[in-house]
Amino acid sequence: MTLNNFVNLTINAKLAGDPVEYWITEPVVVTYGEVGANAKAPHPNAARLLVNYMLSAEAQTLRTTWGRVPTRADVETNPPGILDRFKGKALVKPTLTAEDESRWQKTFNEWFGR
């Protein structure tokens, strides 16, 4: 039993046939992922094509076979209805204040030499 889990990990196990279940507790913390291409990529057009593909309905549908929740609203979850279980739940969207964002950007720049 775990009290904090990314739902896609449990769904992945469920798709593999494991006898697992999950319940949505409140508040639900919403996390965001990013995709991007390096400004100095040796093949920037190829990088753009990859990003474009990753955001496509085709790629998002493929990702659902691995237990991932699609980003696109026009792609059904696998199994269907996963997002319906979140409806009506209190959501927490992590955001930083402008001050915190500036502080973390400075730390990033110091660590990575930007």
Protein backbone atom coordinates (compact mmCIF):
# COMPACT_ATOMS: atom_id res chain seq x y z
CA MET A 1 0.00 0.00 0.00
CA THR A 2 1.22 3.47 -0.82
CA LEU A 3 -0.32 6.78 0.14
CA ASN A 4 1.36 8.81 -2.57
CA ASN A 5 1.70 7.42 -6.03
CA PHE A 6 1.63 8.53 -9.61
CA VAL A 7 -1.55 6.96 -10.95
CA ASN A 8 0.24 5.93 -14.15
CA LEU A 9 2.50 3.56 -12.15
CA THR A 10 -0.51 1.74 -10.76
CA ILE A 11 -2.24 1.68 -14.15
CA ASN A 12 0.91 0.24 -15.73
CA ALA A 13 0.91 -2.57 -13.15
CA LYS A 14 -2.82 -3.11 -13.69
CA LEU A 15 -2.33 -3.38 -17.48
CA ALA A 16 0.34 -6.01 -16.82
CA GLY A 17 -2.27 -8.08 -14.95
CA ASP A 18 -1.20 -7.28 -11.40
CA PRO A 19 -4.02 -7.32 -8.82
CA VAL A 20 -3.79 -3.65 -7.83
CA GLU A 21 -6.32 -0.87 -7.33
CA TYR A 22 -6.20 2.83 -6.59
CA TRP A 23 -8.42 5.38 -4.90
CA ILE A 24 -8.38 9.11 -5.40
CA THR A 25 -7.80 11.01 -2.16
CA GLU A 26 -8.00 14.75 -1.81
CA PRO A 27 -6.40 17.02 -2.51
CA VAL A 28 -5.06 15.75 -5.83
CA VAL A 29 -1.67 17.24 -6.64
CA VAL A 30 -1.40 17.97 -10.35
CA THR A 31 2.07 17.72 -11.85
CA TYR A 32 3.20 18.86 -15.24
CA GLY A 33 5.75 17.41 -17.62
CA GLU A 34 7.53 19.24 -20.33
CA VAL A 35 8.93 18.53 -23.72
CA GLY A 36 11.37 20.69 -25.59
CA ALA A 37 14.28 20.84 -27.96
CA ASN A 38 17.74 22.16 -27.19
CA ALA A 39 18.41 25.48 -28.88
CA LYS A 40 21.77 24.11 -30.03
CA ALA A 41 20.52 20.72 -31.24
CA PRO A 42 22.59 19.44 -34.16
CA HIS A 43 19.37 18.70 -36.08
CA PRO A 44 16.81 21.24 -34.82
CA ASN A 45 14.18 20.36 -37.43
CA ALA A 46 14.35 16.69 -36.42
CA ALA A 47 13.95 17.78 -32.78
CA ARG A 48 10.87 19.83 -33.70
CA LEU A 49 9.41 16.88 -35.59
CA LEU A 50 9.93 14.64 -32.55
CA VAL A 51 8.23 17.13 -30.23
CA ASN A 52 5.37 17.51 -32.71
CA TYR A 53 4.98 13.73 -32.86
CA MET A 54 5.08 13.36 -29.07
CA LEU A 55 2.16 15.78 -28.83
CA SER A 56 0.15 14.05 -31.59
CA ALA A 57 -2.94 11.95 -30.95
CA GLU A 58 -1.08 8.94 -32.39
CA ALA A 59 1.79 9.17 -29.89
CA GLN A 60 -0.51 10.00 -26.98
CA THR A 61 -2.61 6.92 -27.81
CA LEU A 62 0.54 4.78 -27.94
CA ARG A 63 1.61 6.08 -24.52
CA THR A 64 -1.70 4.90 -23.01
CA THR A 65 -0.64 1.32 -23.77
CA TRP A 66 2.18 1.88 -21.24
CA GLY A 67 -0.17 3.09 -18.52
CA ARG A 68 0.37 6.78 -19.19
CA VAL A 69 -2.45 9.28 -18.91
CA PRO A 70 -2.75 11.23 -22.19
CA THR A 71 -2.22 14.96 -22.26
CA ARG A 72 -4.72 15.47 -25.07
CA ALA A 73 -8.42 15.67 -24.27
CA ASP A 74 -9.26 13.92 -27.56
CA VAL A 75 -7.35 10.74 -26.58
CA GLU A 76 -9.15 8.24 -24.32
CA THR A 77 -7.34 6.85 -21.32
CA ASN A 78 -6.48 3.17 -21.06
CA PRO A 79 -8.50 1.74 -19.45
CA PRO A 80 -11.26 4.21 -20.37
CA GLY A 81 -12.64 6.58 -17.73
CA ILE A 82 -9.55 7.11 -15.59
CA LEU A 83 -9.93 10.90 -15.60
CA ASP A 84 -13.60 10.60 -14.64
CA ARG A 85 -12.45 9.34 -11.22
CA PHE A 86 -10.78 12.72 -10.64
CA LYS A 87 -13.88 14.81 -11.40
CA GLY A 88 -15.12 16.82 -8.45
CA LYS A 89 -11.91 16.33 -6.47
CA ALA A 90 -9.98 19.26 -5.01
CA LEU A 91 -6.90 19.94 -7.16
CA VAL A 92 -3.63 21.50 -6.08
CA LYS A 93 -1.68 22.98 -8.95
CA PRO A 94 1.91 23.61 -7.91
CA THR A 95 2.95 27.12 -8.84
CA LEU A 96 5.77 29.35 -7.76
CA THR A 97 5.55 32.98 -6.84
CA ALA A 98 7.56 35.32 -9.07
CA GLU A 99 10.05 35.65 -6.21
CA ASP A 100 10.48 31.88 -5.85
CA GLU A 101 10.74 31.42 -9.61
CA SER A 102 13.51 34.02 -9.74
CA ARG A 103 15.36 32.38 -6.84
CA TRP A 104 15.18 28.91 -8.40
CA GLN A 105 16.22 30.25 -11.81
CA LYS A 106 19.27 31.84 -10.18
CA THR A 107 20.14 28.53 -8.48
CA PHE A 108 19.74 26.67 -11.78
CA ASN A 109 21.98 29.16 -13.55
CA GLU A 110 24.64 28.83 -10.84
CA TRP A 111 24.58 25.04 -10.94
CA PHE A 112 24.53 24.67 -14.70
CA GLY A 113 26.66 27.67 -15.67
CA ARG A 114 24.11 29.72 -17.55
